[in-house]
PDB file of N, CA and C in Angstrom:
ATOM      1  N   MET A   1      -9.024  12.651   0.506  1.00  0.00           N
ATOM      2  CA  MET A   1      -9.087  11.363   0.409  1.00  0.00           C
ATOM      3  C   MET A   1      -8.039  10.727   1.502  1.00  0.00           C
ATOM      4  N   LYS A   2      -7.171  11.574   0.685  1.00  0.00           N
ATOM      5  CA  LYS A   2      -5.658  10.392   1.354  1.00  0.00           C
ATOM      6  C   LYS A   2      -5.625  10.462   2.865  1.00  0.00           C
ATOM      7  N   GLU A   3      -6.210  11.605   3.212  1.00  0.00           N
ATOM      8  CA  GLU A   3      -6.069  11.560   4.928  1.00  0.00           C
ATOM      9  C   GLU A   3      -7.201   9.900   5.317  1.00  0.00           C
ATOM     10  N   LEU A   4      -8.260   9.852   4.415  1.00  0.00           N
ATOM     11  CA  LEU A   4      -9.209   8.433   4.961  1.00  0.00           C
ATOM     12  C   LEU A   4      -8.744   7.345   4.753  1.00  0.00           C
ATOM     13  N   SER A   5      -8.233   7.239   3.493  1.00  0.00           N
ATOM     14  CA  SER A   5      -7.253   5.974   2.639  1.00  0.00           C
ATOM     15  C   SER A   5      -6.443   5.539   3.500  1.00  0.00           C
ATOM     16  N   SER A   6      -5.589   6.161   4.224  1.00  0.00           N
ATOM     17  CA  SER A   6      -4.576   6.130   5.290  1.00  0.00           C
ATOM     18  C   SER A   6      -5.014   5.404   6.292  1.00  0.00           C
ATOM     19  N   GLN A   7      -5.958   5.404   6.517  1.00  0.00           N
ATOM     20  CA  GLN A   7      -6.588   5.420   7.982  1.00  0.00           C
ATOM     21  C   GLN A   7      -6.886   3.899   7.592  1.00  0.00           C
ATOM     22  N   LYS A   8      -7.318   3.358   8.846  1.00  0.00           N
ATOM     23  CA  LYS A   8      -7.884   1.520   9.329  1.00  0.00           C
ATOM     24  C   LYS A   8      -8.641   1.156  10.011  1.00  0.00           C
ATOM     25  N   CYS A   9      -9.694   0.772   9.065  1.00  0.00           N
ATOM     26  CA  CYS A   9     -11.055   0.298   9.689  1.00  0.00           C
ATOM     27  C   CYS A   9     -10.644  -0.608  11.231  1.00  0.00           C
ATOM     28  N   LYS A  10     -11.679   0.600  12.464  1.00  0.00           N
ATOM     29  CA  LYS A  10     -12.063  -0.491  13.474  1.00  0.00           C
ATOM     30  C   LYS A  10     -12.732  -1.757  14.134  1.00  0.00           C
ATOM     31  N   PRO A  11     -12.780  -2.342  14.354  1.00  0.00           N
ATOM     32  CA  PRO A  11     -13.525  -3.830  14.600  1.00  0.00           C
ATOM     33  C   PRO A  11     -15.148  -2.847  15.369  1.00  0.00           C
ATOM     34  N   CYS A  12     -16.370  -2.957  15.542  1.00  0.00           N
ATOM     35  CA  CYS A  12     -17.185  -2.523  15.543  1.00  0.00           C
ATOM     36  C   CYS A  12     -18.199  -3.929  15.574  1.00  0.00           C
ATOM     37  N   GLU A  13     -18.204  -4.112  17.113  1.00  0.00           N
ATOM     38  CA  GLU A  13     -19.636  -4.635  17.726  1.00  0.00           C
ATOM     39  C   GLU A  13     -20.488  -4.279  17.552  1.00  0.00           C
ATOM     40  N   GLY A  14     -20.921  -3.404  17.672  1.00  0.00           N
ATOM     41  CA  GLY A  14     -22.163  -2.514  17.793  1.00  0.00           C
ATOM     42  C   GLY A  14     -22.178  -1.613  19.132  1.00  0.00           C
ATOM     43  N   GLY A  15     -22.929  -0.599  19.764  1.00  0.00           N
ATOM     44  CA  GLY A  15     -22.938   0.139  20.939  1.00  0.00           C
ATOM     45  C   GLY A  15     -22.954   1.140  20.498  1.00  0.00           C
ATOM     46  N   GLU A  16     -22.687   1.785  19.956  1.00  0.00           N
ATOM     47  CA  GLU A  16     -22.226   3.303  18.958  1.00  0.00           C
ATOM     48  C   GLU A  16     -23.361   3.257  18.127  1.00  0.00           C
ATOM     49  N   ASP A  17     -22.718   4.824  18.502  1.00  0.00           N
ATOM     50  CA  ASP A  17     -24.302   5.100  17.529  1.00  0.00           C
ATOM     51  C   ASP A  17     -23.845   6.156  16.152  1.00  0.00           C
ATOM     52  N   PRO A  18     -25.138   5.617  14.953  1.00  0.00           N
ATOM     53  CA  PRO A  18     -24.412   5.744  13.671  1.00  0.00           C
ATOM     54  C   PRO A  18     -23.937   6.802  13.084  1.00  0.00           C
ATOM     55  N   LEU A  19     -23.165   7.679  12.272  1.00  0.00           N
ATOM     56  CA  LEU A  19     -22.705   8.836  12.112  1.00  0.00           C
ATOM     57  C   LEU A  19     -24.078   9.729  11.794  1.00  0.00           C
ATOM     58  N   SER A  20     -23.901  10.865  12.098  1.00  0.00           N
ATOM     59  CA  SER A  20     -25.423  11.891  11.907  1.00  0.00           C
ATOM     60  C   SER A  20     -25.294  12.080  10.590  1.00  0.00           C
ATOM     61  N   LYS A  21     -26.266  12.578  10.435  1.00  0.00           N
ATOM     62  CA  LYS A  21     -26.774  13.414   8.728  1.00  0.00           C
ATOM     63  C   LYS A  21     -25.529  14.601   8.260  1.00  0.00           C
ATOM     64  N   SER A  22     -25.412  15.136   9.641  1.00  0.00           N
ATOM     65  CA  SER A  22     -24.721  16.223   8.729  1.00  0.00           C
ATOM     66  C   SER A  22     -23.038  16.205   8.500  1.00  0.00           C
ATOM     67  N   ASP A  23     -22.286  14.956   9.489  1.00  0.00           N
ATOM     68  CA  ASP A  23     -21.491  14.258   8.538  1.00  0.00           C
ATOM     69  C   ASP A  23     -20.898  13.329   8.204  1.00  0.00           C
ATOM     70  N   THR A  24     -22.750  13.041   7.683  1.00  0.00           N
ATOM     71  CA  THR A  24     -22.311  11.626   6.415  1.00  0.00           C
ATOM     72  C   THR A  24     -22.375  12.659   5.308  1.00  0.00           C
ATOM     73  N   LYS A  25     -22.732  13.031   5.090  1.00  0.00           N
ATOM     74  CA  LYS A  25     -22.759  14.839   4.357  1.00  0.00           C
ATOM     75  C   LYS A  25     -21.028  15.716   4.296  1.00  0.00           C
ATOM     76  N   LYS A  26     -20.835  15.598   5.064  1.00  0.00           N
ATOM     77  CA  LYS A  26     -19.124  16.200   5.059  1.00  0.00           C
ATOM     78  C   LYS A  26     -18.192  15.269   4.708  1.00  0.00           C
ATOM     79  N   TYR A  27     -18.675  13.913   4.613  1.00  0.00           N
ATOM     80  CA  TYR A  27     -18.040  12.492   4.594  1.00  0.00           C
ATOM     81  C   TYR A  27     -17.772  12.507   3.022  1.00  0.00           C
ATOM     82  N   LEU A  28     -19.162  12.711   2.396  1.00  0.00           N
ATOM     83  CA  LEU A  28     -19.666  11.987   0.615  1.00  0.00           C
ATOM     84  C   LEU A  28     -18.909  13.410  -0.079  1.00  0.00           C
ATOM     85  N   GLU A  29     -18.793  14.715   0.940  1.00  0.00           N
ATOM     86  CA  GLU A  29     -18.451  15.504   0.043  1.00  0.00           C
ATOM     87  C   GLU A  29     -16.053  15.136  -0.442  1.00  0.00           C
ATOM     88  N   ILE A  30     -16.109  14.374   0.183  1.00  0.00           N
ATOM     89  CA  ILE A  30     -14.603  13.526   0.409  1.00  0.00           C
ATOM     90  C   ILE A  30     -14.758  12.909  -0.604  1.00  0.00           C
ATOM     91  N   VAL A  31     -15.747  11.522  -0.548  1.00  0.00           N
ATOM     92  CA  VAL A  31     -15.419  10.521  -1.721  1.00  0.00           C
ATOM     93  C   VAL A  31     -16.165  10.455  -2.588  1.00  0.00           C
ATOM     94  N   SER A  32     -15.221  10.189  -3.543  1.00  0.00           N
ATOM     95  CA  SER A  32     -15.791  10.879  -4.891  1.00  0.00           C
ATOM     96  C   SER A  32     -17.113   9.726  -5.252  1.00  0.00           C
ATOM     97  N   GLY A  33     -17.747  10.638  -5.917  1.00  0.00           N
ATOM     98  CA  GLY A  33     -18.919   9.668  -6.651  1.00  0.00           C
ATOM     99  C   GLY A  33     -20.364   8.839  -6.147  1.00  0.00           C
ATOM    100  N   TRP A  34     -19.942   8.751  -4.583  1.00  0.00           N
ATOM    101  CA  TRP A  34     -20.491   7.740  -3.780  1.00  0.00           C
ATOM    102  C   TRP A  34     -21.711   8.488  -3.203  1.00  0.00           C
ATOM    103  N   LYS A  35     -23.033   7.908  -3.242  1.00  0.00           N
ATOM    104  CA  LYS A  35     -24.316   8.554  -2.708  1.00  0.00           C
ATOM    105  C   LYS A  35     -24.872   7.734  -1.237  1.00  0.00           C
ATOM    106  N   SER A  36     -26.164   8.286  -0.961  1.00  0.00           N
ATOM    107  CA  SER A  36     -26.536   8.362  -0.204  1.00  0.00           C
ATOM    108  C   SER A  36     -28.507   8.446  -0.314  1.00  0.00           C
ATOM    109  N   LYS A  37     -29.656   8.018  -0.439  1.00  0.00           N
ATOM    110  CA  LYS A  37     -30.278   8.444  -0.092  1.00  0.00           C
ATOM    111  C   LYS A  37     -30.900   8.021   1.141  1.00  0.00           C
ATOM    112  N   ASP A  38     -30.786   7.909   2.383  1.00  0.00           N
ATOM    113  CA  ASP A  38     -31.574   8.009   3.604  1.00  0.00           C
ATOM    114  C   ASP A  38     -30.565   7.891   4.493  1.00  0.00           C
ATOM    115  N   TYR A  39     -28.892   8.451   3.828  1.00  0.00           N
ATOM    116  CA  TYR A  39     -27.768   8.706   5.227  1.00  0.00           C
ATOM    117  C   TYR A  39     -27.533   7.088   6.277  1.00  0.00           C
ATOM    118  N   ILE A  40     -28.120   6.262   5.780  1.00  0.00           N
ATOM    119  CA  ILE A  40     -28.159   4.710   6.308  1.00  0.00           C
ATOM    120  C   ILE A  40     -26.743   3.852   6.022  1.00  0.00           C
ATOM    121  N   LYS A  41     -26.806   4.356   4.927  1.00  0.00           N
ATOM    122  CA  LYS A  41     -25.987   3.425   3.731  1.00  0.00           C
ATOM    123  C   LYS A  41     -25.073   4.129   2.327  1.00  0.00           C
ATOM    124  N   ILE A  42     -24.455   4.147   2.165  1.00  0.00           N
ATOM    125  CA  ILE A  42     -23.851   5.108   1.023  1.00  0.00           C
ATOM    126  C   ILE A  42     -23.578   4.030  -0.436  1.00  0.00           C
ATOM    127  N   TYR A  43     -23.419   4.278  -1.736  1.00  0.00           N
ATOM    128  CA  TYR A  43     -23.409   3.177  -2.297  1.00  0.00           C
ATOM    129  C   TYR A  43     -22.693   3.912  -3.789  1.00  0.00           C
ATOM    130  N   LYS A  44     -22.260   3.096  -4.465  1.00  0.00           N
ATOM    131  CA  LYS A  44     -21.410   4.096  -5.408  1.00  0.00           C
ATOM    132  C   LYS A  44     -21.887   2.748  -7.242  1.00  0.00           C
ATOM    133  N   HIS A  45     -21.952   3.556  -7.957  1.00  0.00           N
ATOM    134  CA  HIS A  45     -22.095   2.539  -9.525  1.00  0.00           C
ATOM    135  C   HIS A  45     -20.301   2.105 -10.312  1.00  0.00           C
ATOM    136  N   TYR A  46     -20.543   1.209 -10.556  1.00  0.00           N
ATOM    137  CA  TYR A  46     -19.196   0.892 -11.615  1.00  0.00           C
ATOM    138  C   TYR A  46     -19.545   0.023 -13.204  1.00  0.00           C
ATOM    139  N   LYS A  47     -18.915   0.899 -13.511  1.00  0.00           N
ATOM    140  CA  LYS A  47     -19.225   0.270 -14.967  1.00  0.00           C
ATOM    141  C   LYS A  47     -17.781  -0.022 -15.793  1.00  0.00           C
ATOM    142  N   PHE A  48     -17.987  -1.350 -16.254  1.00  0.00           N
ATOM    143  CA  PHE A  48     -16.688  -1.557 -17.120  1.00  0.00           C
ATOM    144  C   PHE A  48     -16.655  -2.390 -18.603  1.00  0.00           C
ATOM    145  N   LYS A  49     -15.980  -2.717 -19.516  1.00  0.00           N
ATOM    146  CA  LYS A  49     -15.671  -3.189 -20.600  1.00  0.00           C
ATOM    147  C   LYS A  49     -16.542  -4.274 -20.945  1.00  0.00           C
ATOM    148  N   ASP A  50     -16.409  -4.919 -19.864  1.00  0.00           N
ATOM    149  CA  ASP A  50     -16.552  -6.409 -19.620  1.00  0.00           C
ATOM    150  C   ASP A  50     -16.864  -6.900 -18.962  1.00  0.00           C
ATOM    151  N   PHE A  51     -17.266  -8.314 -18.637  1.00  0.00           N
ATOM    152  CA  PHE A  51     -18.024  -9.184 -17.609  1.00  0.00           C
ATOM    153  C   PHE A  51     -16.212  -9.207 -16.233  1.00  0.00           C
ATOM    154  N   MET A  52     -15.761 -10.040 -17.304  1.00  0.00           N
ATOM    155  CA  MET A  52     -14.227 -10.177 -16.305  1.00  0.00           C
ATOM    156  C   MET A  52     -13.266  -9.038 -16.506  1.00  0.00           C
ATOM    157  N   SER A  53     -13.616  -7.369 -16.776  1.00  0.00           N
ATOM    158  CA  SER A  53     -13.217  -6.661 -15.840  1.00  0.00           C
ATOM    159  C   SER A  53     -14.171  -6.296 -14.784  1.00  0.00           C
ATOM    160  N   ALA A  54     -15.398  -6.652 -14.907  1.00  0.00           N
ATOM    161  CA  ALA A  54     -15.965  -6.210 -13.166  1.00  0.00           C
ATOM    162  C   ALA A  54     -16.020  -7.200 -12.438  1.00  0.00           C
ATOM    163  N   ILE A  55     -15.135  -8.876 -12.898  1.00  0.00           N
ATOM    164  CA  ILE A  55     -14.862  -9.395 -11.576  1.00  0.00           C
ATOM    165  C   ILE A  55     -13.250  -9.142 -11.170  1.00  0.00           C
ATOM    166  N   ALA A  56     -12.662  -8.769 -12.052  1.00  0.00           N
ATOM    167  CA  ALA A  56     -11.162  -8.275 -11.246  1.00  0.00           C
ATOM    168  C   ALA A  56     -11.555  -7.009 -10.423  1.00  0.00           C
ATOM    169  N   PHE A  57     -12.596  -6.364 -10.507  1.00  0.00           N
ATOM    170  CA  PHE A  57     -12.819  -4.470  -9.911  1.00  0.00           C
ATOM    171  C   PHE A  57     -13.005  -5.297  -8.378  1.00  0.00           C
ATOM    172  N   ILE A  58     -13.749  -6.704  -8.479  1.00  0.00           N
ATOM    173  CA  ILE A  58     -14.935  -7.368  -7.504  1.00  0.00           C
ATOM    174  C   ILE A  58     -14.012  -7.854  -6.539  1.00  0.00           C
ATOM    175  N   ASN A  59     -12.616  -8.399  -7.348  1.00  0.00           N
ATOM    176  CA  ASN A  59     -11.705  -9.100  -6.596  1.00  0.00           C
ATOM    177  C   ASN A  59     -10.877  -8.514  -5.954  1.00  0.00           C
ATOM    178  N   LYS A  60     -10.315  -7.016  -6.653  1.00  0.00           N
ATOM    179  CA  LYS A  60      -9.386  -6.588  -5.820  1.00  0.00           C
ATOM    180  C   LYS A  60     -10.300  -5.745  -4.529  1.00  0.00           C
ATOM    181  N   VAL A  61     -11.573  -5.586  -3.989  1.00  0.00           N
ATOM    182  CA  VAL A  61     -12.133  -5.171  -3.704  1.00  0.00           C
ATOM    183  C   VAL A  61     -12.899  -5.787  -2.417  1.00  0.00           C
ATOM    184  N   ALA A  62     -13.084  -7.333  -3.139  1.00  0.00           N
ATOM    185  CA  ALA A  62     -13.089  -8.011  -1.712  1.00  0.00           C
ATOM    186  C   ALA A  62     -11.258  -8.427  -0.866  1.00  0.00           C
ATOM    187  N   LYS A  63      -9.910  -8.192  -1.300  1.00  0.00           N
ATOM    188  CA  LYS A  63      -9.669  -7.990  -0.750  1.00  0.00           C
ATOM    189  C   LYS A  63      -9.074  -6.889  -0.304  1.00  0.00           C
ATOM    190  N   ILE A  64      -8.913  -6.126  -0.398  1.00  0.00           N
ATOM    191  CA  ILE A  64      -9.378  -4.590   0.505  1.00  0.00           C
ATOM    192  C   ILE A  64     -10.353  -5.104   1.588  1.00  0.00           C
ATOM    193  N   ALA A  65     -11.540  -5.315   1.384  1.00  0.00           N
ATOM    194  CA  ALA A  65     -12.181  -5.543   2.333  1.00  0.00           C
ATOM    195  C   ALA A  65     -12.202  -6.861   3.987  1.00  0.00           C
ATOM    196  N   GLU A  66     -11.545  -7.651   3.356  1.00  0.00           N
ATOM    197  CA  GLU A  66     -10.659  -8.642   3.933  1.00  0.00           C
ATOM    198  C   GLU A  66      -9.788  -8.577   4.657  1.00  0.00           C
ATOM    199  N   GLU A  67      -9.221  -7.276   4.054  1.00  0.00           N
ATOM    200  CA  GLU A  67      -7.637  -6.494   5.026  1.00  0.00           C
ATOM    201  C   GLU A  67      -8.246  -5.310   6.023  1.00  0.00           C
ATOM    202  N   GLU A  68      -9.498  -4.916   5.942  1.00  0.00           N
ATOM    203  CA  GLU A  68      -9.841  -3.961   6.608  1.00  0.00           C
ATOM    204  C   GLU A  68     -10.665  -4.793   7.394  1.00  0.00           C
ATOM    205  N   GLY A  69     -11.637  -5.875   7.261  1.00  0.00           N
ATOM    206  CA  GLY A  69     -12.345  -6.638   8.209  1.00  0.00           C
ATOM    207  C   GLY A  69     -13.763  -5.977   8.198  1.00  0.00           C
ATOM    208  N   HIS A  70     -14.113  -4.816   6.792  1.00  0.00           N
ATOM    209  CA  HIS A  70     -15.028  -4.648   6.311  1.00  0.00           C
ATOM    210  C   HIS A  70     -15.538  -4.412   5.200  1.00  0.00           C
ATOM    211  N   HIS A  71     -16.822  -5.390   5.354  1.00  0.00           N
ATOM    212  CA  HIS A  71     -16.926  -5.765   4.124  1.00  0.00           C
ATOM    213  C   HIS A  71     -18.451  -5.216   3.386  1.00  0.00           C
ATOM    214  N   PRO A  72     -18.179  -5.200   2.371  1.00  0.00           N
ATOM    215  CA  PRO A  72     -19.222  -4.188   1.592  1.00  0.00           C
ATOM    216  C   PRO A  72     -20.413  -5.396   0.877  1.00  0.00           C
ATOM    217  N   ASP A  73     -22.142  -4.453   0.463  1.00  0.00           N
ATOM    218  CA  ASP A  73     -22.493  -5.332  -0.102  1.00  0.00           C
ATOM    219  C   ASP A  73     -22.190  -4.846  -1.642  1.00  0.00           C
ATOM    220  N   ILE A  74     -21.889  -6.467  -2.508  1.00  0.00           N
ATOM    221  CA  ILE A  74     -21.517  -6.297  -3.982  1.00  0.00           C
ATOM    222  C   ILE A  74     -22.682  -6.701  -4.884  1.00  0.00           C
ATOM    223  N   LEU A  75     -23.396  -5.817  -5.170  1.00  0.00           N
ATOM    224  CA  LEU A  75     -24.039  -6.401  -6.677  1.00  0.00           C
ATOM    225  C   LEU A  75     -23.029  -6.818  -8.087  1.00  0.00           C
ATOM    226  N   ILE A  76     -23.236  -7.883  -8.899  1.00  0.00           N
ATOM    227  CA  ILE A  76     -22.290  -7.056 -10.348  1.00  0.00           C
ATOM    228  C   ILE A  76     -23.683  -7.419 -11.140  1.00  0.00           C
ATOM    229  N   PHE A  77     -24.081  -6.854 -12.333  1.00  0.00           N
ATOM    230  CA  PHE A  77     -25.692  -6.679 -12.940  1.00  0.00           C
ATOM    231  C   PHE A  77     -24.987  -6.171 -14.629  1.00  0.00           C
ATOM    232  N   GLY A  78     -25.857  -6.817 -14.999  1.00  0.00           N
ATOM    233  CA  GLY A  78     -25.894  -6.163 -16.456  1.00  0.00           C
ATOM    234  C   GLY A  78     -24.708  -6.441 -17.547  1.00  0.00           C
ATOM    235  N   TRP A  79     -24.326  -7.529 -16.775  1.00  0.00           N
ATOM    236  CA  TRP A  79     -22.769  -8.251 -16.994  1.00  0.00           C
ATOM    237  C   TRP A  79     -21.786  -7.507 -16.989  1.00  0.00           C
ATOM    238  N   ASN A  80     -21.555  -6.425 -16.763  1.00  0.00           N
ATOM    239  CA  ASN A  80     -20.458  -4.889 -17.193  1.00  0.00           C
ATOM    240  C   ASN A  80     -21.006  -4.290 -15.999  1.00  0.00           C
ATOM    241  N   LYS A  81     -21.767  -4.157 -14.840  1.00  0.00           N
ATOM    242  CA  LYS A  81     -21.845  -3.276 -14.339  1.00  0.00           C
ATOM    243  C   LYS A  81     -21.693  -3.945 -12.667  1.00  0.00           C
ATOM    244  N   VAL A  82     -20.922  -3.065 -11.598  1.00  0.00           N
ATOM    245  CA  VAL A  82     -21.579  -3.520 -10.130  1.00  0.00           C
ATOM    246  C   VAL A  82     -21.787  -2.066  -9.486  1.00  0.00           C
ATOM    247  N   LYS A  83     -22.871  -2.764  -8.009  1.00  0.00           N
ATOM    248  CA  LYS A  83     -22.676  -1.626  -7.436  1.00  0.00           C
ATOM    249  C   LYS A  83     -22.428  -1.810  -5.935  1.00  0.00           C
ATOM    250  N   ILE A  84     -21.924  -1.468  -5.514  1.00  0.00           N
ATOM    251  CA  ILE A  84     -20.983  -1.874  -4.486  1.00  0.00           C
ATOM    252  C   ILE A  84     -21.648  -0.759  -3.105  1.00  0.00           C
ATOM    253  N   LYS A  85     -22.243  -1.191  -1.939  1.00  0.00           N
ATOM    254  CA  LYS A  85     -23.013  -0.998  -0.821  1.00  0.00           C
ATOM    255  C   LYS A  85     -21.994  -0.929   0.361  1.00  0.00           C
ATOM    256  N   LEU A  86     -22.305   0.394   0.482  1.00  0.00           N
ATOM    257  CA  LEU A  86     -21.469   0.372   2.376  1.00  0.00           C
ATOM    258  C   LEU A  86     -21.823   1.120   3.595  1.00  0.00           C
ATOM    259  N   TYR A  87     -22.236  -0.133   4.283  1.00  0.00           N
ATOM    260  CA  TYR A  87     -22.765   0.252   6.081  1.00  0.00           C
ATOM    261  C   TYR A  87     -22.582  -0.755   7.275  1.00  0.00           C
ATOM    262  N   THR A  88     -22.628   0.080   8.339  1.00  0.00           N
ATOM    263  CA  THR A  88     -21.751  -0.969   9.130  1.00  0.00           C
ATOM    264  C   THR A  88     -23.005  -1.959   9.818  1.00  0.00           C
ATOM    265  N   HIS A  89     -23.458  -2.849   9.414  1.00  0.00           N
ATOM    266  CA  HIS A  89     -24.094  -3.755   9.895  1.00  0.00           C
ATOM    267  C   HIS A  89     -24.661  -3.626  11.754  1.00  0.00           C
ATOM    268  N   ALA A  90     -23.365  -4.013  12.282  1.00  0.00           N
ATOM    269  CA  ALA A  90     -23.270  -4.220  13.691  1.00  0.00           C
ATOM    270  C   ALA A  90     -24.379  -2.606  14.633  1.00  0.00           C
ATOM    271  N   ILE A  91     -24.548  -1.723  13.501  1.00  0.00           N
ATOM    272  CA  ILE A  91     -25.005  -0.336  14.297  1.00  0.00           C
ATOM    273  C   ILE A  91     -26.319   0.075  13.559  1.00  0.00           C
ATOM    274  N   GLY A  92     -26.573  -0.317  12.494  1.00  0.00           N
ATOM    275  CA  GLY A  92     -27.620   0.145  11.127  1.00  0.00           C
ATOM    276  C   GLY A  92     -27.642   1.252  10.817  1.00  0.00           C
ATOM    277  N   GLY A  93     -26.146   1.266  10.411  1.00  0.00           N
ATOM    278  CA  GLY A  93     -26.344   2.838   9.675  1.00  0.00           C
ATOM    279  C   GLY A  93     -24.015   2.837   9.516  1.00  0.00           C
ATOM    280  N   LEU A  94     -24.002   4.272   9.166  1.00  0.00           N
ATOM    281  CA  LEU A  94     -22.900   4.406   9.107  1.00  0.00           C
ATOM    282  C   LEU A  94     -21.944   4.756   9.795  1.00  0.00           C
ATOM    283  N   SER A  95     -21.103   4.121   9.716  1.00  0.00           N
ATOM    284  CA  SER A  95     -19.684   4.866  10.617  1.00  0.00           C
ATOM    285  C   SER A  95     -18.308   5.277   9.640  1.00  0.00           C
ATOM    286  N   MET A  96     -17.695   5.446  10.587  1.00  0.00           N
ATOM    287  CA  MET A  96     -16.401   6.467   9.515  1.00  0.00           C
ATOM    288  C   MET A  96     -15.173   4.802   8.580  1.00  0.00           C
ATOM    289  N   ASN A  97     -15.645   3.413   9.546  1.00  0.00           N
ATOM    290  CA  ASN A  97     -15.996   2.571   8.740  1.00  0.00           C
ATOM    291  C   ASN A  97     -15.451   2.471   6.950  1.00  0.00           C
ATOM    292  N   ASP A  98     -17.063   2.771   6.815  1.00  0.00           N
ATOM    293  CA  ASP A  98     -17.583   2.842   5.275  1.00  0.00           C
ATOM    294  C   ASP A  98     -16.870   3.510   4.764  1.00  0.00           C
ATOM    295  N   PHE A  99     -16.799   5.374   5.036  1.00  0.00           N
ATOM    296  CA  PHE A  99     -16.300   6.056   4.326  1.00  0.00           C
ATOM    297  C   PHE A  99     -14.543   5.701   4.480  1.00  0.00           C
ATOM    298  N   ILE A 100     -13.922   4.767   5.336  1.00  0.00           N
ATOM    299  CA  ILE A 100     -12.416   4.716   4.897  1.00  0.00           C
ATOM    300  C   ILE A 100     -12.597   3.557   3.591  1.00  0.00           C
ATOM    301  N   LEU A 101     -13.371   2.400   4.235  1.00  0.00           N
ATOM    302  CA  LEU A 101     -13.327   1.864   2.902  1.00  0.00           C
ATOM    303  C   LEU A 101     -13.838   2.314   1.708  1.00  0.00           C
ATOM    304  N   ALA A 102     -14.886   2.966   1.343  1.00  0.00           N
ATOM    305  CA  ALA A 102     -14.854   4.126  -0.015  1.00  0.00           C
ATOM    306  C   ALA A 102     -14.098   4.626  -0.574  1.00  0.00           C
ATOM    307  N   SER A 103     -12.886   5.195   0.399  1.00  0.00           N
ATOM    308  CA  SER A 103     -11.532   6.113  -0.160  1.00  0.00           C
ATOM    309  C   SER A 103     -10.910   5.046  -0.694  1.00  0.00           C
ATOM    310  N   LYS A 104     -10.124   3.710   0.046  1.00  0.00           N
ATOM    311  CA  LYS A 104      -9.854   3.288  -0.101  1.00  0.00           C
ATOM    312  C   LYS A 104     -10.306   2.057  -1.994  1.00  0.00           C
ATOM    313  N   ILE A 105     -11.248   1.617  -1.992  1.00  0.00           N
ATOM    314  CA  ILE A 105     -11.969   1.730  -3.013  1.00  0.00           C
ATOM    315  C   ILE A 105     -11.747   2.182  -4.033  1.00  0.00           C
ATOM    316  N   ASP A 106     -11.716   3.776  -3.999  1.00  0.00           N
ATOM    317  CA  ASP A 106     -11.698   4.682  -4.670  1.00  0.00           C
ATOM    318  C   ASP A 106     -10.340   4.866  -5.607  1.00  0.00           C
ATOM    319  N   GLU A 107      -9.367   4.126  -5.134  1.00  0.00           N
ATOM    320  CA  GLU A 107      -7.753   4.417  -5.044  1.00  0.00           C
ATOM    321  C   GLU A 107      -8.029   2.717  -5.751  1.00  0.00           C
ATOM    322  N   ILE A 108      -8.723   1.897  -6.102  1.00  0.00           N
ATOM    323  CA  ILE A 108      -8.535   1.049  -7.370  1.00  0.00           C
ATOM    324  C   ILE A 108      -8.292   1.379  -8.625  1.00  0.00           C
ATOM    325  N   LYS A 109      -7.466   1.303  -9.197  1.00  0.00           N
ATOM    326  CA  LYS A 109      -7.515   1.027 -10.676  1.00  0.00           C
ATOM    327  C   LYS A 109      -8.268   1.015 -11.488  1.00  0.00           C
ATOM    328  N   ILE A 110      -8.883   1.670 -12.569  1.00  0.00           N
ATOM    329  CA  ILE A 110     -10.662   0.127 -13.515  1.00  0.00           C
ATOM    330  C   ILE A 110      -9.731   1.183 -14.800  1.00  0.00           C
TER     331      ILE A 110
END
């Protein structure tokens, strides 16, 4: 995972193909706890002790996402749970950026 987290997301304007199902499976083995139902998006759930801990985590994710120029869908629910969903909107599927960002999010101390 260090290999992925040391990389930088690259701007994507479209015009490239999403990762294949086999590549997606390979990268899912590298990022801990991330899942995909459709090989178009990846997601992960997090649970925190309280609402403010969940918000603090979201703020850390937002900072990394802004630095990388690659922004996830973030959902807070049940007052202490967060779902992060990643995919590359411009290509309608997964790119390396999604796995790079997932690995950086995994490095956040919870």
